[in-house]
Amino acid sequence: MGICLLDDNKPDFFPDPRLSDDHGFVAVSKELGITRLIAAYRQGIFPWMKMKDAPYFWCWYSPNPRMILYPQEFKISRSLKKAQKGSKFEWIRILRD
């Protein structure tokens, strides 16, 4: 599969992640955006910013295997609790349809 540049006018479109390369690479995009991010997460695709050299693109990956995090089983470490109390994080909730 060649490199797929995602169309910023169709933020909910991604190539089939089963066609990704051995590293799970799916596509690149210039923009991130909430619609694109939610569409990606629903398909098990995750963003990573390429920062080494210009031009800077969002790289989209669907690693196999990937970690599954069950919120009810997640244990927050002391260091993360401490970090939460600072101003480093902004908490948002994404509602499901």
PDB file of N, CA and C in Angstrom:
ATOM      1  N   MET A   1       0.847  -1.179   0.000  1.00  0.00           N
ATOM      2  CA  MET A   1       0.000   0.000   0.000  1.00  0.00           C
ATOM      3  C   MET A   1       0.887   1.235   0.000  1.00  0.00           C
ATOM      4  N   GLY A   2       0.613   2.209  -0.878  1.00  0.00           N
ATOM      5  CA  GLY A   2       1.358   3.461  -0.915  1.00  0.00           C
ATOM      6  C   GLY A   2       0.876   4.395   0.175  1.00  0.00           C
ATOM      7  N   ILE A   3       1.494   5.557   0.268  1.00  0.00           N
ATOM      8  CA  ILE A   3       1.093   6.538   1.274  1.00  0.00           C
ATOM      9  C   ILE A   3      -0.199   7.212   0.820  1.00  0.00           C
ATOM     10  N   CYS A   4      -1.179   7.193   1.699  1.00  0.00           N
ATOM     11  CA  CYS A   4      -2.485   7.796   1.421  1.00  0.00           C
ATOM     12  C   CYS A   4      -2.563   9.131   2.152  1.00  0.00           C
ATOM     13  N   LEU A   5      -2.732  10.243   1.395  1.00  0.00           N
ATOM     14  CA  LEU A   5      -2.956  11.554   1.986  1.00  0.00           C
ATOM     15  C   LEU A   5      -4.465  11.750   2.117  1.00  0.00           C
ATOM     16  N   LEU A   6      -4.930  11.893   3.353  1.00  0.00           N
ATOM     17  CA  LEU A   6      -6.364  12.024   3.601  1.00  0.00           C
ATOM     18  C   LEU A   6      -6.876  13.377   3.129  1.00  0.00           C
ATOM     19  N   ASP A   7      -8.093  13.384   2.624  1.00  0.00           N
ATOM     20  CA  ASP A   7      -8.750  14.586   2.127  1.00  0.00           C
ATOM     21  C   ASP A   7      -9.347  15.336   3.318  1.00  0.00           C
ATOM     22  N   ASP A   8      -8.921  16.573   3.549  1.00  0.00           N
ATOM     23  CA  ASP A   8      -9.424  17.346   4.680  1.00  0.00           C
ATOM     24  C   ASP A   8     -10.898  17.717   4.536  1.00  0.00           C
ATOM     25  N   ASN A   9     -11.465  17.561   3.335  1.00  0.00           N
ATOM     26  CA  ASN A   9     -12.896  17.801   3.133  1.00  0.00           C
ATOM     27  C   ASN A   9     -13.742  16.575   3.466  1.00  0.00           C
ATOM     28  N   LYS A  10     -13.086  15.443   3.726  1.00  0.00           N
ATOM     29  CA  LYS A  10     -13.777  14.199   4.109  1.00  0.00           C
ATOM     30  C   LYS A  10     -13.107  13.650   5.376  1.00  0.00           C
ATOM     31  N   PRO A  11     -13.292  14.353   6.519  1.00  0.00           N
ATOM     32  CA  PRO A  11     -12.551  13.991   7.721  1.00  0.00           C
ATOM     33  C   PRO A  11     -12.919  12.649   8.343  1.00  0.00           C
ATOM     34  N   ASP A  12     -14.020  12.044   7.919  1.00  0.00           N
ATOM     35  CA  ASP A  12     -14.408  10.762   8.497  1.00  0.00           C
ATOM     36  C   ASP A  12     -13.955   9.572   7.646  1.00  0.00           C
ATOM     37  N   PHE A  13     -13.228   9.803   6.550  1.00  0.00           N
ATOM     38  CA  PHE A  13     -12.755   8.715   5.699  1.00  0.00           C
ATOM     39  C   PHE A  13     -11.346   8.284   6.082  1.00  0.00           C
ATOM     40  N   PHE A  14     -11.154   6.967   6.176  1.00  0.00           N
ATOM     41  CA  PHE A  14      -9.834   6.347   6.345  1.00  0.00           C
ATOM     42  C   PHE A  14      -9.781   5.104   5.472  1.00  0.00           C
ATOM     43  N   PRO A  15      -8.600   4.777   4.945  1.00  0.00           N
ATOM     44  CA  PRO A  15      -8.463   3.490   4.266  1.00  0.00           C
ATOM     45  C   PRO A  15      -8.680   2.363   5.272  1.00  0.00           C
ATOM     46  N   ASP A  16      -8.972   1.195   4.791  1.00  0.00           N
ATOM     47  CA  ASP A  16      -9.173   0.029   5.647  1.00  0.00           C
ATOM     48  C   ASP A  16      -7.888  -0.233   6.440  1.00  0.00           C
ATOM     49  N   PRO A  17      -7.937  -0.176   7.778  1.00  0.00           N
ATOM     50  CA  PRO A  17      -6.723  -0.385   8.573  1.00  0.00           C
ATOM     51  C   PRO A  17      -6.124  -1.787   8.419  1.00  0.00           C
ATOM     52  N   ARG A  18      -6.893  -2.744   7.918  1.00  0.00           N
ATOM     53  CA  ARG A  18      -6.350  -4.087   7.685  1.00  0.00           C
ATOM     54  C   ARG A  18      -5.338  -4.087   6.550  1.00  0.00           C
ATOM     55  N   LEU A  19      -5.311  -3.008   5.767  1.00  0.00           N
ATOM     56  CA  LEU A  19      -4.366  -2.890   4.662  1.00  0.00           C
ATOM     57  C   LEU A  19      -3.101  -2.123   5.063  1.00  0.00           C
ATOM     58  N   SER A  20      -2.950  -1.843   6.357  1.00  0.00           N
ATOM     59  CA  SER A  20      -1.782  -1.096   6.825  1.00  0.00           C
ATOM     60  C   SER A  20      -0.501  -1.906   6.629  1.00  0.00           C
ATOM     61  N   ASP A  21       0.652  -1.212   6.726  1.00  0.00           N
ATOM     62  CA  ASP A  21       1.929  -1.906   6.570  1.00  0.00           C
ATOM     63  C   ASP A  21       2.290  -2.658   7.854  1.00  0.00           C
ATOM     64  N   ASP A  22       3.485  -3.219   7.916  1.00  0.00           N
ATOM     65  CA  ASP A  22       3.911  -4.027   9.072  1.00  0.00           C
ATOM     66  C   ASP A  22       3.986  -3.222  10.368  1.00  0.00           C
ATOM     67  N   HIS A  23       4.110  -1.896  10.260  1.00  0.00           N
ATOM     68  CA  HIS A  23       4.167  -1.039  11.445  1.00  0.00           C
ATOM     69  C   HIS A  23       2.792  -0.494  11.819  1.00  0.00           C
ATOM     70  N   GLY A  24       1.776  -0.829  11.037  1.00  0.00           N
ATOM     71  CA  GLY A  24       0.424  -0.352  11.296  1.00  0.00           C
ATOM     72  C   GLY A  24       0.124   0.983  10.659  1.00  0.00           C
ATOM     73  N   PHE A  25       1.021   1.483   9.793  1.00  0.00           N
ATOM     74  CA  PHE A  25       0.829   2.779   9.143  1.00  0.00           C
ATOM     75  C   PHE A  25      -0.351   2.715   8.175  1.00  0.00           C
ATOM     76  N   VAL A  26      -1.289   3.671   8.328  1.00  0.00           N
ATOM     77  CA  VAL A  26      -2.507   3.699   7.518  1.00  0.00           C
ATOM     78  C   VAL A  26      -2.510   4.864   6.524  1.00  0.00           C
ATOM     79  N   ALA A  27      -2.214   6.092   7.002  1.00  0.00           N
ATOM     80  CA  ALA A  27      -2.338   7.276   6.152  1.00  0.00           C
ATOM     81  C   ALA A  27      -1.661   8.473   6.811  1.00  0.00           C
ATOM     82  N   VAL A  28      -1.652   9.605   6.099  1.00  0.00           N
ATOM     83  CA  VAL A  28      -1.196  10.882   6.654  1.00  0.00           C
ATOM     84  C   VAL A  28      -2.258  11.938   6.374  1.00  0.00           C
ATOM     85  N   SER A  29      -2.250  12.997   7.192  1.00  0.00           N
ATOM     86  CA  SER A  29      -3.159  14.115   6.965  1.00  0.00           C
ATOM     87  C   SER A  29      -2.491  15.406   7.408  1.00  0.00           C
ATOM     88  N   LYS A  30      -2.942  16.508   6.830  1.00  0.00           N
ATOM     89  CA  LYS A  30      -2.444  17.817   7.240  1.00  0.00           C
ATOM     90  C   LYS A  30      -3.168  18.292   8.491  1.00  0.00           C
ATOM     91  N   GLU A  31      -4.447  17.928   8.609  1.00  0.00           N
ATOM     92  CA  GLU A  31      -5.285  18.388   9.716  1.00  0.00           C
ATOM     93  C   GLU A  31      -5.646  17.225  10.636  1.00  0.00           C
ATOM     94  N   LEU A  32      -5.942  17.563  11.878  1.00  0.00           N
ATOM     95  CA  LEU A  32      -6.385  16.563  12.852  1.00  0.00           C
ATOM     96  C   LEU A  32      -7.904  16.666  12.958  1.00  0.00           C
ATOM     97  N   GLY A  33      -8.440  17.513  13.786  1.00  0.00           N
ATOM     98  CA  GLY A  33      -9.882  17.759  13.887  1.00  0.00           C
ATOM     99  C   GLY A  33     -10.635  16.697  14.673  1.00  0.00           C
ATOM    100  N   ILE A  34     -11.676  17.137  15.354  1.00  0.00           N
ATOM    101  CA  ILE A  34     -12.491  16.269  16.205  1.00  0.00           C
ATOM    102  C   ILE A  34     -13.182  15.179  15.388  1.00  0.00           C
ATOM    103  N   THR A  35     -13.794  15.532  14.258  1.00  0.00           N
ATOM    104  CA  THR A  35     -14.504  14.546  13.440  1.00  0.00           C
ATOM    105  C   THR A  35     -13.557  13.448  12.987  1.00  0.00           C
ATOM    106  N   ARG A  36     -12.383  13.832  12.513  1.00  0.00           N
ATOM    107  CA  ARG A  36     -11.399  12.849  12.046  1.00  0.00           C
ATOM    108  C   ARG A  36     -10.905  11.980  13.210  1.00  0.00           C
ATOM    109  N   LEU A  37     -10.637  12.593  14.340  1.00  0.00           N
ATOM    110  CA  LEU A  37     -10.129  11.859  15.494  1.00  0.00           C
ATOM    111  C   LEU A  37     -11.135  10.809  15.977  1.00  0.00           C
ATOM    112  N   ILE A  38     -12.395  11.186  16.075  1.00  0.00           N
ATOM    113  CA  ILE A  38     -13.428  10.245  16.513  1.00  0.00           C
ATOM    114  C   ILE A  38     -13.594   9.122  15.492  1.00  0.00           C
ATOM    115  N   ALA A  39     -13.618   9.466  14.200  1.00  0.00           N
ATOM    116  CA  ALA A  39     -13.738   8.442  13.151  1.00  0.00           C
ATOM    117  C   ALA A  39     -12.563   7.470  13.216  1.00  0.00           C
ATOM    118  N   ALA A  40     -11.375   8.002  13.449  1.00  0.00           N
ATOM    119  CA  ALA A  40     -10.187   7.149  13.534  1.00  0.00           C
ATOM    120  C   ALA A  40     -10.273   6.215  14.735  1.00  0.00           C
ATOM    121  N   TYR A  41     -10.554   6.758  15.905  1.00  0.00           N
ATOM    122  CA  TYR A  41     -10.628   5.937  17.121  1.00  0.00           C
ATOM    123  C   TYR A  41     -11.657   4.817  16.969  1.00  0.00           C
ATOM    124  N   ARG A  42     -12.764   5.112  16.324  1.00  0.00           N
ATOM    125  CA  ARG A  42     -13.804   4.087  16.137  1.00  0.00           C
ATOM    126  C   ARG A  42     -13.315   2.922  15.273  1.00  0.00           C
ATOM    127  N   GLN A  43     -12.274   3.176  14.467  1.00  0.00           N
ATOM    128  CA  GLN A  43     -11.727   2.123  13.606  1.00  0.00           C
ATOM    129  C   GLN A  43     -10.416   1.549  14.151  1.00  0.00           C
ATOM    130  N   GLY A  44     -10.028   1.981  15.355  1.00  0.00           N
ATOM    131  CA  GLY A  44      -8.769   1.493  15.924  1.00  0.00           C
ATOM    132  C   GLY A  44      -7.557   2.127  15.272  1.00  0.00           C
ATOM    133  N   ILE A  45      -7.705   3.366  14.820  1.00  0.00           N
ATOM    134  CA  ILE A  45      -6.614   4.110  14.174  1.00  0.00           C
ATOM    135  C   ILE A  45      -6.249   5.278  15.084  1.00  0.00           C
ATOM    136  N   PHE A  46      -4.937   5.520  15.228  1.00  0.00           N
ATOM    137  CA  PHE A  46      -4.461   6.507  16.185  1.00  0.00           C
ATOM    138  C   PHE A  46      -3.464   7.465  15.542  1.00  0.00           C
ATOM    139  N   PRO A  47      -3.498   8.768  15.925  1.00  0.00           N
ATOM    140  CA  PRO A  47      -2.614   9.762  15.313  1.00  0.00           C
ATOM    141  C   PRO A  47      -1.256   9.855  15.998  1.00  0.00           C
ATOM    142  N   TRP A  48      -0.265  10.262  15.223  1.00  0.00           N
ATOM    143  CA  TRP A  48       1.062  10.569  15.736  1.00  0.00           C
ATOM    144  C   TRP A  48       1.634  11.653  14.837  1.00  0.00           C
ATOM    145  N   MET A  49       2.095  12.751  15.418  1.00  0.00           N
ATOM    146  CA  MET A  49       2.631  13.859  14.629  1.00  0.00           C
ATOM    147  C   MET A  49       4.070  13.575  14.211  1.00  0.00           C
ATOM    148  N   LYS A  50       4.336  13.735  12.904  1.00  0.00           N
ATOM    149  CA  LYS A  50       5.698  13.589  12.387  1.00  0.00           C
ATOM    150  C   LYS A  50       6.372  14.941  12.544  1.00  0.00           C
ATOM    151  N   MET A  51       7.379  15.019  13.424  1.00  0.00           N
ATOM    152  CA  MET A  51       8.004  16.299  13.742  1.00  0.00           C
ATOM    153  C   MET A  51       9.461  16.418  13.297  1.00  0.00           C
ATOM    154  N   LYS A  52      10.034  15.366  12.719  1.00  0.00           N
ATOM    155  CA  LYS A  52      11.465  15.397  12.402  1.00  0.00           C
ATOM    156  C   LYS A  52      11.795  16.434  11.333  1.00  0.00           C
ATOM    157  N   ASP A  53      11.106  16.384  10.222  1.00  0.00           N
ATOM    158  CA  ASP A  53      11.376  17.294   9.106  1.00  0.00           C
ATOM    159  C   ASP A  53      10.067  17.831   8.542  1.00  0.00           C
ATOM    160  N   ALA A  54      10.135  19.055   8.013  1.00  0.00           N
ATOM    161  CA  ALA A  54       8.970  19.613   7.327  1.00  0.00           C
ATOM    162  C   ALA A  54       8.790  18.875   6.002  1.00  0.00           C
ATOM    163  N   PRO A  55       7.598  18.729   5.469  1.00  0.00           N
ATOM    164  CA  PRO A  55       6.327  19.226   6.008  1.00  0.00           C
ATOM    165  C   PRO A  55       5.848  18.349   7.157  1.00  0.00           C
ATOM    166  N   TYR A  56       5.120  18.946   8.075  1.00  0.00           N
ATOM    167  CA  TYR A  56       4.643  18.243   9.268  1.00  0.00           C
ATOM    168  C   TYR A  56       3.246  17.690   9.006  1.00  0.00           C
ATOM    169  N   PHE A  57       3.120  16.397   9.113  1.00  0.00           N
ATOM    170  CA  PHE A  57       1.850  15.713   8.877  1.00  0.00           C
ATOM    171  C   PHE A  57       1.463  14.878  10.092  1.00  0.00           C
ATOM    172  N   TRP A  58       0.160  14.644  10.218  1.00  0.00           N
ATOM    173  CA  TRP A  58      -0.326  13.661  11.170  1.00  0.00           C
ATOM    174  C   TRP A  58      -0.205  12.303  10.503  1.00  0.00           C
ATOM    175  N   CYS A  59       0.451  11.386  11.163  1.00  0.00           N
ATOM    176  CA  CYS A  59       0.565  10.017  10.674  1.00  0.00           C
ATOM    177  C   CYS A  59      -0.451   9.184  11.448  1.00  0.00           C
ATOM    178  N   TRP A  60      -1.178   8.347  10.735  1.00  0.00           N
ATOM    179  CA  TRP A  60      -2.257   7.555  11.333  1.00  0.00           C
ATOM    180  C   TRP A  60      -1.874   6.082  11.319  1.00  0.00           C
ATOM    181  N   TYR A  61      -1.982   5.453  12.492  1.00  0.00           N
ATOM    182  CA  TYR A  61      -1.547   4.063  12.666  1.00  0.00           C
ATOM    183  C   TYR A  61      -2.663   3.208  13.254  1.00  0.00           C
ATOM    184  N   SER A  62      -2.637   1.954  12.883  1.00  0.00           N
ATOM    185  CA  SER A  62      -3.513   0.948  13.471  1.00  0.00           C
ATOM    186  C   SER A  62      -2.644  -0.251  13.828  1.00  0.00           C
ATOM    187  N   PRO A  63      -1.950  -0.173  14.971  1.00  0.00           N
ATOM    188  CA  PRO A  63      -1.023  -1.246  15.334  1.00  0.00           C
ATOM    189  C   PRO A  63      -1.740  -2.555  15.638  1.00  0.00           C
ATOM    190  N   ASN A  64      -1.078  -3.642  15.348  1.00  0.00           N
ATOM    191  CA  ASN A  64      -1.623  -4.963  15.640  1.00  0.00           C
ATOM    192  C   ASN A  64      -0.509  -5.802  16.252  1.00  0.00           C
ATOM    193  N   PRO A  65      -0.623  -6.246  17.464  1.00  0.00           N
ATOM    194  CA  PRO A  65      -1.773  -6.032  18.359  1.00  0.00           C
ATOM    195  C   PRO A  65      -1.715  -4.648  18.984  1.00  0.00           C
ATOM    196  N   ARG A  66      -2.825  -4.229  19.523  1.00  0.00           N
ATOM    197  CA  ARG A  66      -2.860  -2.965  20.256  1.00  0.00           C
ATOM    198  C   ARG A  66      -3.423  -3.217  21.648  1.00  0.00           C
ATOM    199  N   MET A  67      -3.147  -2.291  22.531  1.00  0.00           N
ATOM    200  CA  MET A  67      -3.588  -2.430  23.909  1.00  0.00           C
ATOM    201  C   MET A  67      -5.071  -2.084  24.012  1.00  0.00           C
ATOM    202  N   ILE A  68      -5.775  -2.821  24.815  1.00  0.00           N
ATOM    203  CA  ILE A  68      -7.168  -2.508  25.122  1.00  0.00           C
ATOM    204  C   ILE A  68      -7.206  -2.094  26.583  1.00  0.00           C
ATOM    205  N   LEU A  69      -7.728  -0.918  26.832  1.00  0.00           N
ATOM    206  CA  LEU A  69      -7.799  -0.381  28.183  1.00  0.00           C
ATOM    207  C   LEU A  69      -9.252  -0.387  28.636  1.00  0.00           C
ATOM    208  N   TYR A  70      -9.514  -1.125  29.704  1.00  0.00           N
ATOM    209  CA  TYR A  70     -10.857  -1.173  30.276  1.00  0.00           C
ATOM    210  C   TYR A  70     -10.906  -0.163  31.421  1.00  0.00           C
ATOM    211  N   PRO A  71     -11.655   0.937  31.257  1.00  0.00           N
ATOM    212  CA  PRO A  71     -11.650   2.001  32.269  1.00  0.00           C
ATOM    213  C   PRO A  71     -11.951   1.519  33.685  1.00  0.00           C
ATOM    214  N   GLN A  72     -12.859   0.559  33.821  1.00  0.00           N
ATOM    215  CA  GLN A  72     -13.214   0.092  35.159  1.00  0.00           C
ATOM    216  C   GLN A  72     -12.076  -0.683  35.823  1.00  0.00           C
ATOM    217  N   GLU A  73     -11.089  -1.134  35.048  1.00  0.00           N
ATOM    218  CA  GLU A  73      -9.952  -1.884  35.594  1.00  0.00           C
ATOM    219  C   GLU A  73      -8.681  -1.045  35.683  1.00  0.00           C
ATOM    220  N   PHE A  74      -8.735   0.196  35.209  1.00  0.00           N
ATOM    221  CA  PHE A  74      -7.554   1.052  35.164  1.00  0.00           C
ATOM    222  C   PHE A  74      -7.191   1.553  36.554  1.00  0.00           C
ATOM    223  N   LYS A  75      -5.956   1.372  36.950  1.00  0.00           N
ATOM    224  CA  LYS A  75      -5.453   1.834  38.241  1.00  0.00           C
ATOM    225  C   LYS A  75      -4.535   3.027  38.002  1.00  0.00           C
ATOM    226  N   ILE A  76      -4.870   4.163  38.600  1.00  0.00           N
ATOM    227  CA  ILE A  76      -4.080   5.374  38.429  1.00  0.00           C
ATOM    228  C   ILE A  76      -2.918   5.362  39.416  1.00  0.00           C
ATOM    229  N   SER A  77      -1.709   5.536  38.903  1.00  0.00           N
ATOM    230  CA  SER A  77      -0.519   5.555  39.754  1.00  0.00           C
ATOM    231  C   SER A  77      -0.473   6.844  40.578  1.00  0.00           C
ATOM    232  N   ARG A  78       0.336   6.834  41.632  1.00  0.00           N
ATOM    233  CA  ARG A  78       0.470   8.041  42.450  1.00  0.00           C
ATOM    234  C   ARG A  78       1.019   9.210  41.647  1.00  0.00           C
ATOM    235  N   SER A  79       1.977   8.928  40.766  1.00  0.00           N
ATOM    236  CA  SER A  79       2.563  10.020  39.983  1.00  0.00           C
ATOM    237  C   SER A  79       1.540  10.628  39.016  1.00  0.00           C
ATOM    238  N   LEU A  80       0.667   9.797  38.449  1.00  0.00           N
ATOM    239  CA  LEU A  80      -0.374  10.326  37.565  1.00  0.00           C
ATOM    240  C   LEU A  80      -1.403  11.125  38.365  1.00  0.00           C
ATOM    241  N   LYS A  81      -1.767  10.649  39.558  1.00  0.00           N
ATOM    242  CA  LYS A  81      -2.697  11.408  40.407  1.00  0.00           C
ATOM    243  C   LYS A  81      -2.126  12.784  40.726  1.00  0.00           C
ATOM    244  N   LYS A  82      -0.831  12.817  41.012  1.00  0.00           N
ATOM    245  CA  LYS A  82      -0.167  14.080  41.318  1.00  0.00           C
ATOM    246  C   LYS A  82      -0.187  14.999  40.094  1.00  0.00           C
ATOM    247  N   ALA A  83       0.082  14.443  38.933  1.00  0.00           N
ATOM    248  CA  ALA A  83       0.082  15.236  37.701  1.00  0.00           C
ATOM    249  C   ALA A  83      -1.317  15.767  37.386  1.00  0.00           C
ATOM    250  N   GLN A  84      -2.348  14.976  37.689  1.00  0.00           N
ATOM    251  CA  GLN A  84      -3.729  15.397  37.431  1.00  0.00           C
ATOM    252  C   GLN A  84      -4.096  16.636  38.231  1.00  0.00           C
ATOM    253  N   LYS A  85      -3.543  16.737  39.418  1.00  0.00           N
ATOM    254  CA  LYS A  85      -3.877  17.864  40.286  1.00  0.00           C
ATOM    255  C   LYS A  85      -3.270  19.167  39.784  1.00  0.00           C
ATOM    256  N   GLY A  86      -2.222  19.076  38.974  1.00  0.00           N
ATOM    257  CA  GLY A  86      -1.613  20.270  38.392  1.00  0.00           C
ATOM    258  C   GLY A  86      -2.441  20.756  37.217  1.00  0.00           C
ATOM    259  N   SER A  87      -1.880  21.648  36.444  1.00  0.00           N
ATOM    260  CA  SER A  87      -2.610  22.216  35.306  1.00  0.00           C
ATOM    261  C   SER A  87      -2.104  21.668  33.975  1.00  0.00           C
ATOM    262  N   LYS A  88      -1.507  20.479  33.983  1.00  0.00           N
ATOM    263  CA  LYS A  88      -0.952  19.895  32.769  1.00  0.00           C
ATOM    264  C   LYS A  88      -2.011  19.254  31.882  1.00  0.00           C
ATOM    265  N   PHE A  89      -3.158  18.907  32.442  1.00  0.00           N
ATOM    266  CA  PHE A  89      -4.169  18.177  31.698  1.00  0.00           C
ATOM    267  C   PHE A  89      -5.455  18.972  31.578  1.00  0.00           C
ATOM    268  N   GLU A  90      -6.115  18.802  30.455  1.00  0.00           N
ATOM    269  CA  GLU A  90      -7.461  19.320  30.265  1.00  0.00           C
ATOM    270  C   GLU A  90      -8.326  18.098  29.983  1.00  0.00           C
ATOM    271  N   TRP A  91      -9.292  17.816  30.831  1.00  0.00           N
ATOM    272  CA  TRP A  91     -10.114  16.619  30.706  1.00  0.00           C
ATOM    273  C   TRP A  91     -11.321  16.916  29.844  1.00  0.00           C
ATOM    274  N   ILE A  92     -11.553  16.052  28.870  1.00  0.00           N
ATOM    275  CA  ILE A  92     -12.736  16.162  28.024  1.00  0.00           C
ATOM    276  C   ILE A  92     -13.430  14.812  27.990  1.00  0.00           C
ATOM    277  N   ARG A  93     -14.684  14.819  27.703  1.00  0.00           N
ATOM    278  CA  ARG A  93     -15.433  13.578  27.588  1.00  0.00           C
ATOM    279  C   ARG A  93     -16.053  13.543  26.204  1.00  0.00           C
ATOM    280  N   ILE A  94     -15.804  12.456  25.495  1.00  0.00           N
ATOM    281  CA  ILE A  94     -16.393  12.262  24.175  1.00  0.00           C
ATOM    282  C   ILE A  94     -17.571  11.339  24.352  1.00  0.00           C
ATOM    283  N   LEU A  95     -18.747  11.806  23.995  1.00  0.00           N
ATOM    284  CA  LEU A  95     -19.954  11.019  24.149  1.00  0.00           C
ATOM    285  C   LEU A  95     -20.143  10.122  22.943  1.00  0.00           C
ATOM    286  N   ARG A  96     -20.571   8.909  23.190  1.00  0.00           N
ATOM    287  CA  ARG A  96     -20.844   7.959  22.108  1.00  0.00           C
ATOM    288  C   ARG A  96     -22.236   8.193  21.557  1.00  0.00           C
ATOM    289  N   ASP A  97     -22.410   7.827  20.293  1.00  0.00           N
ATOM    290  CA  ASP A  97     -23.732   7.949  19.668  1.00  0.00           C
ATOM    291  C   ASP A  97     -24.722   7.023  20.316  1.00  0.00           C
TER     292      ASP A  97
END
